[in-house]
Amino acid sequence: MPWSEAYYPVSMKNLPPVVRAKAIEIANALLEAGRPEGQAIRIGIARAKQWAARRWGGDPRPAPAGRARFS
């Protein structure tokens, strides 16, 4: 079953919304390509995190107030 912003795997719940949306997009494409659900989820999350790191140069979530975020 394809996932959406309203219905997605529990393992994606703590991702920032923009990264979650990309993970859902990637995982759905992997499902269509015939990958097993668990594998599609894991690969989707990993690739979405890589995409975000390339796009924003690190963690796309803002740092907590008054604190710098270091990788």
Protein backbone atom coordinates (compact mmCIF):
# COMPACT_ATOMS: atom_id res chain seq x y z
CA MET A 1 0.00 0.00 0.00
CA PRO A 2 1.50 3.36 -0.95
CA TRP A 3 2.22 5.82 1.84
CA SER A 4 1.27 9.49 2.12
CA GLU A 5 1.76 12.43 4.47
CA ALA A 6 -1.26 11.22 6.44
CA TYR A 7 -0.31 7.52 6.44
CA TYR A 8 3.33 6.49 6.70
CA PRO A 9 5.46 3.92 8.56
CA VAL A 10 6.04 4.50 12.27
CA SER A 11 9.79 4.52 11.65
CA MET A 12 9.37 7.81 9.74
CA LYS A 13 7.49 9.65 12.49
CA ASN A 14 10.54 11.44 13.95
CA LEU A 15 11.88 12.69 10.62
CA PRO A 16 11.50 16.38 9.84
CA PRO A 17 8.44 16.85 7.59
CA VAL A 18 10.42 17.69 4.45
CA VAL A 19 12.70 14.66 4.91
CA ARG A 20 9.70 12.44 5.69
CA ALA A 21 7.99 13.55 2.47
CA LYS A 22 11.12 12.64 0.47
CA ALA A 23 11.43 9.29 2.29
CA ILE A 24 7.79 8.53 1.45
CA GLU A 25 8.37 9.43 -2.19
CA ILE A 26 11.46 7.21 -2.42
CA ALA A 27 9.88 4.30 -0.52
CA ASN A 28 6.78 4.38 -2.74
CA ALA A 29 8.98 4.27 -5.85
CA LEU A 30 10.87 1.30 -4.43
CA LEU A 31 7.60 -0.51 -3.70
CA GLU A 32 6.50 0.04 -7.29
CA ALA A 33 9.84 -1.40 -8.42
CA GLY A 34 9.09 -4.58 -6.47
CA ARG A 35 11.20 -4.12 -3.33
CA PRO A 36 9.86 -5.64 -0.09
CA GLU A 37 8.14 -3.18 2.26
CA GLY A 38 10.77 -3.29 5.02
CA GLN A 39 13.58 -2.77 2.57
CA ALA A 40 11.75 0.09 0.86
CA ILE A 41 11.28 1.83 4.21
CA ARG A 42 14.92 1.48 5.27
CA ILE A 43 16.30 2.58 1.91
CA GLY A 44 13.78 5.43 1.65
CA ILE A 45 14.79 6.86 5.03
CA ALA A 46 18.53 6.53 4.35
CA ARG A 47 18.33 8.12 0.91
CA ALA A 48 16.07 10.93 2.14
CA LYS A 49 18.61 11.75 4.87
CA GLN A 50 21.39 11.76 2.26
CA TRP A 51 19.28 14.02 0.03
CA ALA A 52 18.69 16.45 2.91
CA ALA A 53 22.40 16.50 3.81
CA ARG A 54 23.32 17.34 0.21
CA ARG A 55 20.58 19.92 -0.09
CA TRP A 56 21.17 21.75 3.20
CA GLY A 57 24.70 20.70 4.07
CA GLY A 58 23.67 18.82 7.20
CA ASP A 59 20.69 18.43 9.46
CA PRO A 60 17.68 20.36 8.04
CA ARG A 61 16.10 20.77 11.48
CA PRO A 62 16.77 24.10 13.19
CA ALA A 63 19.02 24.03 16.23
CA PRO A 64 17.34 24.48 19.63
CA ALA A 65 17.16 28.12 20.72
CA GLY A 66 20.52 29.38 21.92
CA ARG A 67 22.42 26.26 20.92
CA ALA A 68 24.49 25.46 17.87
CA ARG A 69 24.00 22.13 16.15
CA PHE A 70 27.20 20.25 15.40
CA SER A 71 27.46 17.13 13.26
